[in-house]
C-alpha cells in the first residue's frame, strides 16, 4: 500500500508495526520477523527521511527500566504524524505522474504527426501468440473511457482467464464496457459461468446469432482484429484512428442496436427477446398441447387448425428457442417462462 509513496516492502512492515505501538524499538524485530540488524537499519533510515523520530522520555514510559535493567537502554522510535511526514512524498508522486502524463501526450501527438499519413501509421500487423496477447492487454488496460468488444467462438491467442483479468481491471477503473457476443461463443466450456460473472460485475453484454469478426476497440482510438492466415500462427491487425477505425465503430454500434440484452437469473444467463421474438398466443397454445404429449394431428384437431399450420407454428417456436429438437424446445420454454 505504501510502496506508492516510496516505502519498500520491509519499510512498510516496520512502519505499520509502529503505527500500532506508540513507541517501540528492537522488539519490532520479533513482531515483524525481520532480523534485528535489518530492523535497526530501517529505523535509522526512516528517521533520516523524517518518517519516524526518537521517542521522548514520557513516550518511552517507565517500563523501559524494567525491560532493560541497568544496561544501556536501546533507542525507541515513534511515528512522525503521517499527515506531516508523508505529504511531501504524495506531492512528489503526483508531480511525477503529471510529468509522465505530459510526456505520454507529447509522444502520442508526435507519433500521430509523423506516422498517421503512412499505411504503417494506420494499421500494424502483430504475429505470434505472445505478441497478440500482449497487444490485446495493452488495449484493454490502456482504455480510459470505453471498450467495445465482439466475441466470436473460442479464444485463440488470449486465454479466457487472462481476458477476465483485463476485464476486471478495466471495470475497476470505471471504463464503460460493452460486449456483443455471437451465439456460438456461449457454446464454450464454462462460458455461462464467466458471462454471468461479467454481467454481475458491470459488463453490458448482448447476444446476436452471428458476427463477421472478433474485435476490441479501445476509447475509439485503436482497434484490434484477428487475422486468419494460412500459416496457422495467431495474428491480428491493430487499427489506429482512421476511416477504417470509424467503420469498425459504426459496425459495432449497428450490431449493438440489433442485439438482444443478456440478463442473469437463478437458472443461468438468458437473452432478452425482442417483441417479434416472443411467441404469439396461438403458438403458445400449440406448445402447451405438444408439451402435454399431444401429436401434431391431435393438436390440429383440438385447435381446429390444419396440420401444416401446427407444423409452421412449431417450427417458429424452435427458431425462437434456437432448438434443434422438440425436447430442446420444451427445455427452453420452461427456462424462458413461456408457459
C-alpha atoms as a PDB file:
ATOM      1  CA  UNK A   1       0.000   0.000   0.000  1.00  0.00           C
ATOM      2  CA  UNK A   2       2.744   2.472   0.983  1.00  0.00           C
ATOM      3  CA  UNK A   3       5.087   1.436  -1.804  1.00  0.00           C
ATOM      4  CA  UNK A   4       3.396   4.042  -3.994  1.00  0.00           C
ATOM      5  CA  UNK A   5       4.740   6.642  -1.548  1.00  0.00           C
ATOM      6  CA  UNK A   6       8.286   5.379  -1.775  1.00  0.00           C
ATOM      7  CA  UNK A   7       8.464   2.791   1.028  1.00  0.00           C
ATOM      8  CA  UNK A   8       9.969  -0.588   0.265  1.00  0.00           C
ATOM      9  CA  UNK A   9       8.095  -3.701   1.498  1.00  0.00           C
ATOM     10  CA  UNK A  10      10.282  -4.200   4.617  1.00  0.00           C
ATOM     11  CA  UNK A  11       9.999  -0.496   5.458  1.00  0.00           C
ATOM     12  CA  UNK A  12       6.233  -0.671   5.160  1.00  0.00           C
ATOM     13  CA  UNK A  13       6.173  -3.634   7.579  1.00  0.00           C
ATOM     14  CA  UNK A  14       8.134  -1.644  10.199  1.00  0.00           C
ATOM     15  CA  UNK A  15       6.068   1.492   9.592  1.00  0.00           C
ATOM     16  CA  UNK A  16       2.744  -0.326  10.056  1.00  0.00           C
ATOM     17  CA  UNK A  17       4.070  -2.063  13.183  1.00  0.00           C
ATOM     18  CA  UNK A  18       4.986   1.320  14.674  1.00  0.00           C
ATOM     19  CA  UNK A  19       1.534   2.591  13.792  1.00  0.00           C
ATOM     20  CA  UNK A  20       0.099   0.053  16.247  1.00  0.00           C
ATOM     21  CA  UNK A  21       2.605   0.897  19.031  1.00  0.00           C
ATOM     22  CA  UNK A  22       3.195   4.453  20.275  1.00  0.00           C
ATOM     23  CA  UNK A  23       6.877   3.768  20.951  1.00  0.00           C
ATOM     24  CA  UNK A  24       8.918   0.705  20.062  1.00  0.00           C
ATOM     25  CA  UNK A  25      12.471  -0.428  19.461  1.00  0.00           C
ATOM     26  CA  UNK A  26      14.178  -3.720  18.729  1.00  0.00           C
ATOM     27  CA  UNK A  27      11.100  -5.719  19.809  1.00  0.00           C
ATOM     28  CA  UNK A  28       9.852  -4.792  16.345  1.00  0.00           C
ATOM     29  CA  UNK A  29      12.209  -7.474  15.038  1.00  0.00           C
ATOM     30  CA  UNK A  30      10.310 -10.131  16.982  1.00  0.00           C
ATOM     31  CA  UNK A  31       6.977  -8.700  15.978  1.00  0.00           C
ATOM     32  CA  UNK A  32       7.732  -8.434  12.248  1.00  0.00           C
ATOM     33  CA  UNK A  33      10.019 -11.422  11.826  1.00  0.00           C
ATOM     34  CA  UNK A  34      12.872  -9.298  10.459  1.00  0.00           C
ATOM     35  CA  UNK A  35      16.464  -9.538  11.622  1.00  0.00           C
ATOM     36  CA  UNK A  36      17.422  -7.124  14.429  1.00  0.00           C
ATOM     37  CA  UNK A  37      20.226  -5.622  12.343  1.00  0.00           C
ATOM     38  CA  UNK A  38      17.878  -5.004   9.426  1.00  0.00           C
ATOM     39  CA  UNK A  39      15.239  -3.547  11.764  1.00  0.00           C
ATOM     40  CA  UNK A  40      17.793  -1.146  13.258  1.00  0.00           C
ATOM     41  CA  UNK A  41      18.979  -0.081   9.805  1.00  0.00           C
ATOM     42  CA  UNK A  42      15.427   0.514   8.584  1.00  0.00           C
ATOM     43  CA  UNK A  43      14.560   2.579  11.699  1.00  0.00           C
ATOM     44  CA  UNK A  44      17.642   4.761  11.200  1.00  0.00           C
ATOM     45  CA  UNK A  45      16.781   5.235   7.525  1.00  0.00           C
ATOM     46  CA  UNK A  46      13.168   6.142   8.331  1.00  0.00           C
ATOM     47  CA  UNK A  47      14.437   8.615  10.928  1.00  0.00           C
ATOM     48  CA  UNK A  48      16.764  10.204   8.363  1.00  0.00           C
ATOM     49  CA  UNK A  49      13.837  10.643   5.991  1.00  0.00           C
ATOM     50  CA  UNK A  50      11.692  12.171   8.732  1.00  0.00           C
ATOM     51  CA  UNK A  51       9.141   9.384   8.857  1.00  0.00           C
ATOM     52  CA  UNK A  52       9.945   8.399  12.461  1.00  0.00           C
ATOM     53  CA  UNK A  53      11.541  10.188  15.403  1.00  0.00           C
ATOM     54  CA  UNK A  54      13.217   9.132  18.635  1.00  0.00           C
ATOM     55  CA  UNK A  55      10.577   8.822  21.354  1.00  0.00           C
ATOM     56  CA  UNK A  56      10.652  11.246  24.312  1.00  0.00           C
ATOM     57  CA  UNK A  57      11.070  10.096  27.910  1.00  0.00           C
ATOM     58  CA  UNK A  58       7.345  10.386  28.514  1.00  0.00           C
ATOM     59  CA  UNK A  59       6.569   8.329  25.395  1.00  0.00           C
ATOM     60  CA  UNK A  60       9.040   5.628  26.388  1.00  0.00           C
ATOM     61  CA  UNK A  61       7.287   5.074  29.708  1.00  0.00           C
ATOM     62  CA  UNK A  62       8.502   3.606  32.962  1.00  0.00           C
ATOM     63  CA  UNK A  63       8.514   0.081  31.577  1.00  0.00           C
ATOM     64  CA  UNK A  64      11.799   0.707  29.775  1.00  0.00           C
ATOM     65  CA  UNK A  65      13.793   0.454  33.015  1.00  0.00           C
ATOM     66  CA  UNK A  66      12.164  -2.827  33.908  1.00  0.00           C
ATOM     67  CA  UNK A  67      12.852  -4.256  30.450  1.00  0.00           C
ATOM     68  CA  UNK A  68      16.459  -3.112  30.194  1.00  0.00           C
ATOM     69  CA  UNK A  69      17.641  -3.335  33.827  1.00  0.00           C
ATOM     70  CA  UNK A  70      20.808  -1.381  34.435  1.00  0.00           C
ATOM     71  CA  UNK A  71      22.103  -1.893  30.915  1.00  0.00           C
ATOM     72  CA  UNK A  72      22.165   0.641  28.102  1.00  0.00           C
ATOM     73  CA  UNK A  73      18.617   1.373  27.053  1.00  0.00           C
ATOM     74  CA  UNK A  74      18.049   0.996  23.253  1.00  0.00           C
ATOM     75  CA  UNK A  75      16.591   3.916  21.324  1.00  0.00           C
ATOM     76  CA  UNK A  76      12.836   3.899  20.968  1.00  0.00           C
ATOM     77  CA  UNK A  77      11.038   5.363  17.973  1.00  0.00           C
ATOM     78  CA  UNK A  78       7.625   6.808  17.282  1.00  0.00           C
ATOM     79  CA  UNK A  79       5.943   7.739  14.034  1.00  0.00           C
ATOM     80  CA  UNK A  80       6.040  11.306  12.817  1.00  0.00           C
ATOM     81  CA  UNK A  81       2.396  12.263  12.096  1.00  0.00           C
ATOM     82  CA  UNK A  82       1.654  10.812   8.624  1.00  0.00           C
ATOM     83  CA  UNK A  83      -0.137  14.000   7.569  1.00  0.00           C
ATOM     84  CA  UNK A  84       3.181  15.811   8.017  1.00  0.00           C
ATOM     85  CA  UNK A  85       5.722  13.159   7.040  1.00  0.00           C
ATOM     86  CA  UNK A  86       4.024  11.549   4.048  1.00  0.00           C
ATOM     87  CA  UNK A  87       2.517  14.660   2.447  1.00  0.00           C
ATOM     88  CA  UNK A  88       5.754  15.610   0.605  1.00  0.00           C
ATOM     89  CA  UNK A  89       6.014  12.088  -0.815  1.00  0.00           C
ATOM     90  CA  UNK A  90       2.421  12.277  -2.050  1.00  0.00           C
ATOM     91  CA  UNK A  91       3.078  15.628  -3.742  1.00  0.00           C
ATOM     92  CA  UNK A  92       6.209  14.207  -5.337  1.00  0.00           C
ATOM     93  CA  UNK A  93       4.310  11.224  -6.723  1.00  0.00           C
ATOM     94  CA  UNK A  94       1.560  13.475  -8.085  1.00  0.00           C
ATOM     95  CA  UNK A  95       4.136  15.680  -9.807  1.00  0.00           C
ATOM     96  CA  UNK A  96       5.852  12.633 -11.281  1.00  0.00           C
ATOM     97  CA  UNK A  97       2.523  11.299 -12.580  1.00  0.00           C
ATOM     98  CA  UNK A  98       1.686  14.690 -14.095  1.00  0.00           C
ATOM     99  CA  UNK A  99       5.062  14.776 -15.857  1.00  0.00           C
ATOM    100  CA  UNK A 100       4.535  11.232 -17.128  1.00  0.00           C
ATOM    101  CA  UNK A 101       1.086  12.153 -18.497  1.00  0.00           C
ATOM    102  CA  UNK A 102       2.541  15.203 -20.248  1.00  0.00           C
ATOM    103  CA  UNK A 103       5.323  13.105 -21.772  1.00  0.00           C
ATOM    104  CA  UNK A 104       2.786  10.473 -22.847  1.00  0.00           C
ATOM    105  CA  UNK A 105       0.580  13.072 -24.567  1.00  0.00           C
ATOM    106  CA  UNK A 106       3.597  14.582 -26.327  1.00  0.00           C
ATOM    107  CA  UNK A 107       4.770  11.179 -27.607  1.00  0.00           C
ATOM    108  CA  UNK A 108       1.283  10.234 -28.826  1.00  0.00           C
ATOM    109  CA  UNK A 109       0.881  13.501 -30.731  1.00  0.00           C
ATOM    110  CA  UNK A 110       4.389  13.279 -32.171  1.00  0.00           C
ATOM    111  CA  UNK A 111       3.707   9.724 -33.334  1.00  0.00           C
ATOM    112  CA  UNK A 112       0.450  10.769 -34.955  1.00  0.00           C
ATOM    113  CA  UNK A 113       2.031  13.741 -36.730  1.00  0.00           C
ATOM    114  CA  UNK A 114       4.878  11.656 -38.180  1.00  0.00           C
ATOM    115  CA  UNK A 115       3.140   8.361 -38.932  1.00  0.00           C
ATOM    116  CA  UNK A 116      -0.561   8.978 -39.448  1.00  0.00           C
ATOM    117  CA  UNK A 117      -0.213   9.661 -43.174  1.00  0.00           C
ATOM    118  CA  UNK A 118       1.519   6.359 -43.889  1.00  0.00           C
ATOM    119  CA  UNK A 119      -0.130   2.957 -44.092  1.00  0.00           C
ATOM    120  CA  UNK A 120       2.073   1.787 -41.234  1.00  0.00           C
ATOM    121  CA  UNK A 121       0.673   4.550 -39.074  1.00  0.00           C
ATOM    122  CA  UNK A 122      -2.909   3.372 -39.592  1.00  0.00           C
ATOM    123  CA  UNK A 123      -2.555  -0.410 -39.488  1.00  0.00           C
ATOM    124  CA  UNK A 124       0.088  -2.570 -37.840  1.00  0.00           C
ATOM    125  CA  UNK A 125       0.313  -6.349 -38.103  1.00  0.00           C
ATOM    126  CA  UNK A 126       1.013  -8.380 -34.962  1.00  0.00           C
ATOM    127  CA  UNK A 127       2.089 -12.025 -35.340  1.00  0.00           C
ATOM    128  CA  UNK A 128       2.508 -14.726 -32.705  1.00  0.00           C
ATOM    129  CA  UNK A 129       0.614 -15.806 -29.599  1.00  0.00           C
ATOM    130  CA  UNK A 130       2.674 -13.727 -27.160  1.00  0.00           C
ATOM    131  CA  UNK A 131       2.631 -10.590 -29.281  1.00  0.00           C
ATOM    132  CA  UNK A 132      -1.118 -10.789 -29.949  1.00  0.00           C
ATOM    133  CA  UNK A 133      -1.872 -11.355 -26.264  1.00  0.00           C
ATOM    134  CA  UNK A 134       0.472  -8.502 -25.281  1.00  0.00           C
ATOM    135  CA  UNK A 135      -1.217  -6.001 -27.632  1.00  0.00           C
ATOM    136  CA  UNK A 136      -4.663  -7.173 -26.517  1.00  0.00           C
ATOM    137  CA  UNK A 137      -3.804  -6.442 -22.876  1.00  0.00           C
ATOM    138  CA  UNK A 138      -2.323  -3.078 -23.862  1.00  0.00           C
ATOM    139  CA  UNK A 139      -5.603  -2.070 -25.499  1.00  0.00           C
ATOM    140  CA  UNK A 140      -7.810  -3.207 -22.618  1.00  0.00           C
ATOM    141  CA  UNK A 141      -5.625  -1.911 -19.801  1.00  0.00           C
ATOM    142  CA  UNK A 142      -4.936   1.352 -21.611  1.00  0.00           C
ATOM    143  CA  UNK A 143      -8.625   2.209 -22.059  1.00  0.00           C
ATOM    144  CA  UNK A 144      -9.711   5.249 -20.068  1.00  0.00           C
ATOM    145  CA  UNK A 145     -13.330   5.680 -21.157  1.00  0.00           C
ATOM    146  CA  UNK A 146     -14.781   2.857 -23.260  1.00  0.00           C
ATOM    147  CA  UNK A 147     -14.198  -0.681 -24.532  1.00  0.00           C
ATOM    148  CA  UNK A 148     -16.253  -2.172 -27.366  1.00  0.00           C
ATOM    149  CA  UNK A 149     -15.869  -5.914 -27.949  1.00  0.00           C
ATOM    150  CA  UNK A 150     -17.085  -8.545 -30.423  1.00  0.00           C
ATOM    151  CA  UNK A 151     -16.840 -12.142 -29.124  1.00  0.00           C
ATOM    152  CA  UNK A 152     -16.922 -14.993 -31.608  1.00  0.00           C
ATOM    153  CA  UNK A 153     -16.103 -18.653 -30.998  1.00  0.00           C
ATOM    154  CA  UNK A 154     -13.364 -19.878 -28.659  1.00  0.00           C
ATOM    155  CA  UNK A 155     -10.392 -17.652 -27.753  1.00  0.00           C
ATOM    156  CA  UNK A 156      -7.160 -18.470 -29.638  1.00  0.00           C
ATOM    157  CA  UNK A 157      -4.272 -16.217 -28.611  1.00  0.00           C
ATOM    158  CA  UNK A 158      -5.694 -14.799 -25.369  1.00  0.00           C
ATOM    159  CA  UNK A 159      -6.848 -17.381 -22.782  1.00  0.00           C
ATOM    160  CA  UNK A 160     -10.251 -16.632 -21.274  1.00  0.00           C
ATOM    161  CA  UNK A 161      -8.792 -16.310 -17.752  1.00  0.00           C
ATOM    162  CA  UNK A 162      -6.356 -13.618 -18.939  1.00  0.00           C
ATOM    163  CA  UNK A 163      -9.170 -11.757 -20.687  1.00  0.00           C
ATOM    164  CA  UNK A 164     -11.251 -11.886 -17.495  1.00  0.00           C
ATOM    165  CA  UNK A 165      -8.383 -10.281 -15.536  1.00  0.00           C
ATOM    166  CA  UNK A 166      -8.105  -7.421 -18.034  1.00  0.00           C
ATOM    167  CA  UNK A 167     -11.884  -7.052 -17.983  1.00  0.00           C
ATOM    168  CA  UNK A 168     -11.887  -6.735 -14.191  1.00  0.00           C
ATOM    169  CA  UNK A 169      -9.015  -4.237 -14.354  1.00  0.00           C
ATOM    170  CA  UNK A 170     -10.982  -2.043 -16.782  1.00  0.00           C
ATOM    171  CA  UNK A 171     -14.212  -2.217 -14.755  1.00  0.00           C
ATOM    172  CA  UNK A 172     -12.361  -1.233 -11.578  1.00  0.00           C
ATOM    173  CA  UNK A 173     -11.283   1.961 -13.336  1.00  0.00           C
ATOM    174  CA  UNK A 174     -14.852   2.812 -14.318  1.00  0.00           C
ATOM    175  CA  UNK A 175     -14.433   2.055 -18.035  1.00  0.00           C
ATOM    176  CA  UNK A 176     -17.699   1.656 -19.972  1.00  0.00           C
ATOM    177  CA  UNK A 177     -17.534  -1.979 -21.143  1.00  0.00           C
ATOM    178  CA  UNK A 178     -19.923  -3.113 -23.892  1.00  0.00           C
ATOM    179  CA  UNK A 179     -19.779  -6.565 -25.458  1.00  0.00           C
ATOM    180  CA  UNK A 180     -21.687  -8.180 -28.335  1.00  0.00           C
ATOM    181  CA  UNK A 181     -21.321 -11.979 -28.363  1.00  0.00           C
ATOM    182  CA  UNK A 182     -22.194 -14.369 -31.169  1.00  0.00           C
ATOM    183  CA  UNK A 183     -24.404 -17.268 -30.137  1.00  0.00           C
ATOM    184  CA  UNK A 184     -21.608 -19.785 -30.789  1.00  0.00           C
ATOM    185  CA  UNK A 185     -19.454 -18.085 -28.165  1.00  0.00           C
ATOM    186  CA  UNK A 186     -21.801 -19.393 -25.469  1.00  0.00           C
ATOM    187  CA  UNK A 187     -21.080 -22.974 -26.540  1.00  0.00           C
ATOM    188  CA  UNK A 188     -17.589 -22.948 -24.962  1.00  0.00           C
ATOM    189  CA  UNK A 189     -16.831 -24.703 -21.648  1.00  0.00           C
ATOM    190  CA  UNK A 190     -17.649 -22.691 -18.506  1.00  0.00           C
ATOM    191  CA  UNK A 191     -18.696 -19.711 -20.654  1.00  0.00           C
ATOM    192  CA  UNK A 192     -22.103 -19.397 -18.945  1.00  0.00           C
ATOM    193  CA  UNK A 193     -20.364 -19.049 -15.571  1.00  0.00           C
ATOM    194  CA  UNK A 194     -17.915 -16.429 -16.910  1.00  0.00           C
ATOM    195  CA  UNK A 195     -20.667 -14.482 -18.680  1.00  0.00           C
ATOM    196  CA  UNK A 196     -22.782 -14.420 -15.535  1.00  0.00           C
ATOM    197  CA  UNK A 197     -19.812 -13.118 -13.510  1.00  0.00           C
ATOM    198  CA  UNK A 198     -19.104 -10.453 -16.145  1.00  0.00           C
ATOM    199  CA  UNK A 199     -22.710  -9.230 -16.257  1.00  0.00           C
ATOM    200  CA  UNK A 200     -22.848  -9.150 -12.460  1.00  0.00           C
ATOM    201  CA  UNK A 201     -19.592  -7.140 -12.381  1.00  0.00           C
ATOM    202  CA  UNK A 202     -20.993  -4.482 -14.707  1.00  0.00           C
ATOM    203  CA  UNK A 203     -20.284  -5.555 -18.293  1.00  0.00           C
ATOM    204  CA  UNK A 204     -23.126  -4.699 -20.695  1.00  0.00           C
ATOM    205  CA  UNK A 205     -23.487  -7.830 -22.819  1.00  0.00           C
ATOM    206  CA  UNK A 206     -25.769  -8.520 -25.746  1.00  0.00           C
ATOM    207  CA  UNK A 207     -26.279 -11.551 -27.995  1.00  0.00           C
ATOM    208  CA  UNK A 208     -26.635 -11.935 -31.777  1.00  0.00           C
ATOM    209  CA  UNK A 209     -26.901 -15.004 -33.996  1.00  0.00           C
ATOM    210  CA  UNK A 210     -23.572 -14.321 -35.733  1.00  0.00           C
ATOM    211  CA  UNK A 211     -20.817 -11.722 -36.120  1.00  0.00           C
ATOM    212  CA  UNK A 212     -18.443 -11.112 -39.054  1.00  0.00           C
ATOM    213  CA  UNK A 213     -15.303 -10.867 -36.910  1.00  0.00           C
ATOM    214  CA  UNK A 214     -13.731 -10.696 -33.471  1.00  0.00           C
ATOM    215  CA  UNK A 215     -12.763  -7.222 -32.343  1.00  0.00           C
ATOM    216  CA  UNK A 216     -11.846  -4.966 -29.433  1.00  0.00           C
ATOM    217  CA  UNK A 217     -11.997  -1.163 -29.704  1.00  0.00           C
ATOM    218  CA  UNK A 218     -10.304   0.983 -27.056  1.00  0.00           C
ATOM    219  CA  UNK A 219     -11.567   4.549 -26.497  1.00  0.00           C
ATOM    220  CA  UNK A 220     -12.436   4.737 -30.233  1.00  0.00           C
ATOM    221  CA  UNK A 221      -8.724   5.414 -30.732  1.00  0.00           C
ATOM    222  CA  UNK A 222      -7.457   1.921 -31.540  1.00  0.00           C
ATOM    223  CA  UNK A 223      -8.959  -1.415 -32.536  1.00  0.00           C
ATOM    224  CA  UNK A 224      -7.625  -4.954 -32.763  1.00  0.00           C
ATOM    225  CA  UNK A 225      -8.975  -7.514 -35.224  1.00  0.00           C
ATOM    226  CA  UNK A 226      -7.643 -11.103 -35.519  1.00  0.00           C
ATOM    227  CA  UNK A 227      -6.460 -12.303 -38.919  1.00  0.00           C
ATOM    228  CA  UNK A 228      -6.940 -15.718 -40.494  1.00  0.00           C
ATOM    229  CA  UNK A 229      -3.575 -16.632 -42.050  1.00  0.00           C
ATOM    230  CA  UNK A 230      -2.537 -19.811 -43.858  1.00  0.00           C
ATOM    231  CA  UNK A 231       0.466 -20.213 -41.540  1.00  0.00           C
ATOM    232  CA  UNK A 232      -1.850 -21.095 -38.669  1.00  0.00           C
ATOM    233  CA  UNK A 233       0.061 -18.827 -36.289  1.00  0.00           C
ATOM    234  CA  UNK A 234      -2.256 -16.396 -34.438  1.00  0.00           C
ATOM    235  CA  UNK A 235      -2.038 -12.877 -35.847  1.00  0.00           C
ATOM    236  CA  UNK A 236      -4.011  -9.643 -35.767  1.00  0.00           C
ATOM    237  CA  UNK A 237      -4.065  -6.098 -37.048  1.00  0.00           C
ATOM    238  CA  UNK A 238      -4.144  -3.036 -34.793  1.00  0.00           C
ATOM    239  CA  UNK A 239      -6.051  -0.159 -36.408  1.00  0.00           C
ATOM    240  CA  UNK A 240      -5.351   3.416 -35.326  1.00  0.00           C
ATOM    241  CA  UNK A 241      -7.542   6.495 -35.854  1.00  0.00           C
ATOM    242  CA  UNK A 242      -8.683   6.465 -39.464  1.00  0.00           C
ATOM    243  CA  UNK A 243     -11.686   5.930 -41.674  1.00  0.00           C
ATOM    244  CA  UNK A 244     -11.237   2.203 -41.166  1.00  0.00           C
ATOM    245  CA  UNK A 245     -11.481   2.585 -37.386  1.00  0.00           C
ATOM    246  CA  UNK A 246     -14.605   4.750 -37.793  1.00  0.00           C
ATOM    247  CA  UNK A 247     -16.168   1.999 -39.919  1.00  0.00           C
ATOM    248  CA  UNK A 248     -15.404  -0.612 -37.248  1.00  0.00           C
ATOM    249  CA  UNK A 249     -17.027   1.546 -34.566  1.00  0.00           C
ATOM    250  CA  UNK A 250     -20.118   2.023 -36.754  1.00  0.00           C
ATOM    251  CA  UNK A 251     -20.270  -1.733 -37.296  1.00  0.00           C
ATOM    252  CA  UNK A 252     -20.210  -2.286 -33.541  1.00  0.00           C
ATOM    253  CA  UNK A 253     -22.978   0.258 -32.903  1.00  0.00           C
ATOM    254  CA  UNK A 254     -25.137  -1.324 -35.633  1.00  0.00           C
ATOM    255  CA  UNK A 255     -24.764  -4.813 -34.150  1.00  0.00           C
ATOM    256  CA  UNK A 256     -25.265  -3.455 -30.624  1.00  0.00           C
ATOM    257  CA  UNK A 257     -28.565  -1.808 -31.587  1.00  0.00           C
ATOM    258  CA  UNK A 258     -29.901  -5.047 -33.094  1.00  0.00           C
ATOM    259  CA  UNK A 259     -28.576  -7.431 -30.416  1.00  0.00           C
ATOM    260  CA  UNK A 260     -30.579  -8.878 -27.527  1.00  0.00           C
ATOM    261  CA  UNK A 261     -29.511  -7.904 -23.991  1.00  0.00           C
ATOM    262  CA  UNK A 262     -28.330 -10.727 -21.745  1.00  0.00           C
ATOM    263  CA  UNK A 263     -29.532 -10.930 -18.157  1.00  0.00           C
ATOM    264  CA  UNK A 264     -28.814 -13.300 -15.302  1.00  0.00           C
ATOM    265  CA  UNK A 265     -31.284 -15.381 -13.334  1.00  0.00           C
ATOM    266  CA  UNK A 266     -31.025 -18.181 -10.809  1.00  0.00           C
ATOM    267  CA  UNK A 267     -31.017 -20.674 -13.664  1.00  0.00           C
ATOM    268  CA  UNK A 268     -28.277 -19.009 -15.726  1.00  0.00           C
ATOM    269  CA  UNK A 269     -27.813 -16.349 -18.404  1.00  0.00           C
ATOM    270  CA  UNK A 270     -30.621 -15.586 -20.851  1.00  0.00           C
ATOM    271  CA  UNK A 271     -31.061 -13.317 -23.856  1.00  0.00           C
ATOM    272  CA  UNK A 272     -33.941 -10.891 -23.591  1.00  0.00           C
ATOM    273  CA  UNK A 273     -36.181 -11.486 -26.613  1.00  0.00           C
ATOM    274  CA  UNK A 274     -37.424  -8.613 -28.768  1.00  0.00           C
ATOM    275  CA  UNK A 275     -41.126  -8.173 -29.476  1.00  0.00           C
ATOM    276  CA  UNK A 276     -41.000 -10.187 -32.711  1.00  0.00           C
ATOM    277  CA  UNK A 277     -39.079 -12.914 -30.918  1.00  0.00           C
ATOM    278  CA  UNK A 278     -41.847 -13.568 -28.398  1.00  0.00           C
ATOM    279  CA  UNK A 279     -44.226 -16.476 -29.079  1.00  0.00           C
ATOM    280  CA  UNK A 280     -47.749 -15.458 -30.095  1.00  0.00           C
ATOM    281  CA  UNK A 281     -50.784 -16.620 -28.172  1.00  0.00           C
ATOM    282  CA  UNK A 282     -51.591 -19.128 -30.907  1.00  0.00           C
ATOM    283  CA  UNK A 283     -48.053 -20.521 -30.844  1.00  0.00           C
ATOM    284  CA  UNK A 284     -48.210 -20.919 -27.076  1.00  0.00           C
ATOM    285  CA  UNK A 285     -51.480 -22.853 -27.413  1.00  0.00           C
ATOM    286  CA  UNK A 286     -49.739 -25.260 -29.786  1.00  0.00           C
ATOM    287  CA  UNK A 287     -46.742 -25.507 -27.451  1.00  0.00           C
ATOM    288  CA  UNK A 288     -48.839 -26.283 -24.380  1.00  0.00           C
ATOM    289  CA  UNK A 289     -50.556 -29.205 -26.128  1.00  0.00           C
ATOM    290  CA  UNK A 290     -47.281 -30.529 -27.562  1.00  0.00           C
ATOM    291  CA  UNK A 291     -45.719 -30.487 -24.106  1.00  0.00           C
ATOM    292  CA  UNK A 292     -48.799 -32.330 -22.796  1.00  0.00           C
ATOM    293  CA  UNK A 293     -47.932 -35.181 -25.151  1.00  0.00           C
ATOM    294  CA  UNK A 294     -50.387 -34.474 -27.995  1.00  0.00           C
ATOM    295  CA  UNK A 295     -49.393 -35.433 -31.531  1.00  0.00           C
ATOM    296  CA  UNK A 296     -49.434 -32.808 -34.303  1.00  0.00           C
ATOM    297  CA  UNK A 297     -52.655 -34.303 -35.639  1.00  0.00           C
ATOM    298  CA  UNK A 298     -54.389 -34.182 -32.229  1.00  0.00           C
ATOM    299  CA  UNK A 299     -53.164 -30.583 -31.698  1.00  0.00           C
ATOM    300  CA  UNK A 300     -54.616 -29.603 -35.089  1.00  0.00           C
ATOM    301  CA  UNK A 301     -57.916 -31.248 -34.243  1.00  0.00           C
ATOM    302  CA  UNK A 302     -58.085 -29.745 -30.765  1.00  0.00           C
ATOM    303  CA  UNK A 303     -57.391 -26.187 -32.013  1.00  0.00           C
ATOM    304  CA  UNK A 304     -59.295 -26.565 -35.298  1.00  0.00           C
ATOM    305  CA  UNK A 305     -56.133 -25.927 -37.330  1.00  0.00           C
ATOM    306  CA  UNK A 306     -54.502 -27.619 -40.273  1.00  0.00           C
ATOM    307  CA  UNK A 307     -51.523 -29.872 -39.634  1.00  0.00           C
ATOM    308  CA  UNK A 308     -49.420 -27.539 -41.782  1.00  0.00           C
ATOM    309  CA  UNK A 309     -50.286 -24.598 -39.501  1.00  0.00           C
ATOM    310  CA  UNK A 310     -49.306 -26.608 -36.422  1.00  0.00           C
ATOM    311  CA  UNK A 311     -46.005 -27.556 -38.055  1.00  0.00           C
ATOM    312  CA  UNK A 312     -45.350 -23.938 -39.088  1.00  0.00           C
ATOM    313  CA  UNK A 313     -46.017 -22.637 -35.547  1.00  0.00           C
ATOM    314  CA  UNK A 314     -43.852 -25.371 -34.065  1.00  0.00           C
ATOM    315  CA  UNK A 315     -41.033 -24.529 -36.484  1.00  0.00           C
ATOM    316  CA  UNK A 316     -41.135 -20.867 -35.494  1.00  0.00           C
ATOM    317  CA  UNK A 317     -41.107 -21.772 -31.801  1.00  0.00           C
ATOM    318  CA  UNK A 318     -37.998 -23.855 -32.377  1.00  0.00           C
ATOM    319  CA  UNK A 319     -36.361 -20.985 -34.277  1.00  0.00           C
ATOM    320  CA  UNK A 320     -37.132 -18.561 -31.438  1.00  0.00           C
ATOM    321  CA  UNK A 321     -35.672 -21.003 -28.925  1.00  0.00           C
ATOM    322  CA  UNK A 322     -32.664 -21.875 -31.088  1.00  0.00           C
ATOM    323  CA  UNK A 323     -33.665 -25.519 -30.590  1.00  0.00           C
ATOM    324  CA  UNK A 324     -32.791 -28.442 -32.847  1.00  0.00           C
ATOM    325  CA  UNK A 325     -35.372 -30.805 -31.352  1.00  0.00           C
ATOM    326  CA  UNK A 326     -38.700 -30.647 -29.586  1.00  0.00           C
ATOM    327  CA  UNK A 327     -37.011 -31.844 -26.427  1.00  0.00           C
ATOM    328  CA  UNK A 328     -34.763 -28.781 -26.535  1.00  0.00           C
ATOM    329  CA  UNK A 329     -37.808 -26.637 -27.275  1.00  0.00           C
ATOM    330  CA  UNK A 330     -39.523 -27.863 -24.101  1.00  0.00           C
ATOM    331  CA  UNK A 331     -36.389 -27.204 -22.036  1.00  0.00           C
ATOM    332  CA  UNK A 332     -36.073 -23.665 -23.414  1.00  0.00           C
ATOM    333  CA  UNK A 333     -39.785 -22.936 -22.918  1.00  0.00           C
ATOM    334  CA  UNK A 334     -39.510 -23.892 -19.244  1.00  0.00           C
ATOM    335  CA  UNK A 335     -36.324 -21.861 -18.763  1.00  0.00           C
ATOM    336  CA  UNK A 336     -37.675 -18.783 -20.541  1.00  0.00           C
ATOM    337  CA  UNK A 337     -41.011 -18.888 -18.705  1.00  0.00           C
ATOM    338  CA  UNK A 338     -43.131 -19.189 -21.840  1.00  0.00           C
ATOM    339  CA  UNK A 339     -45.712 -21.328 -20.055  1.00  0.00           C
END
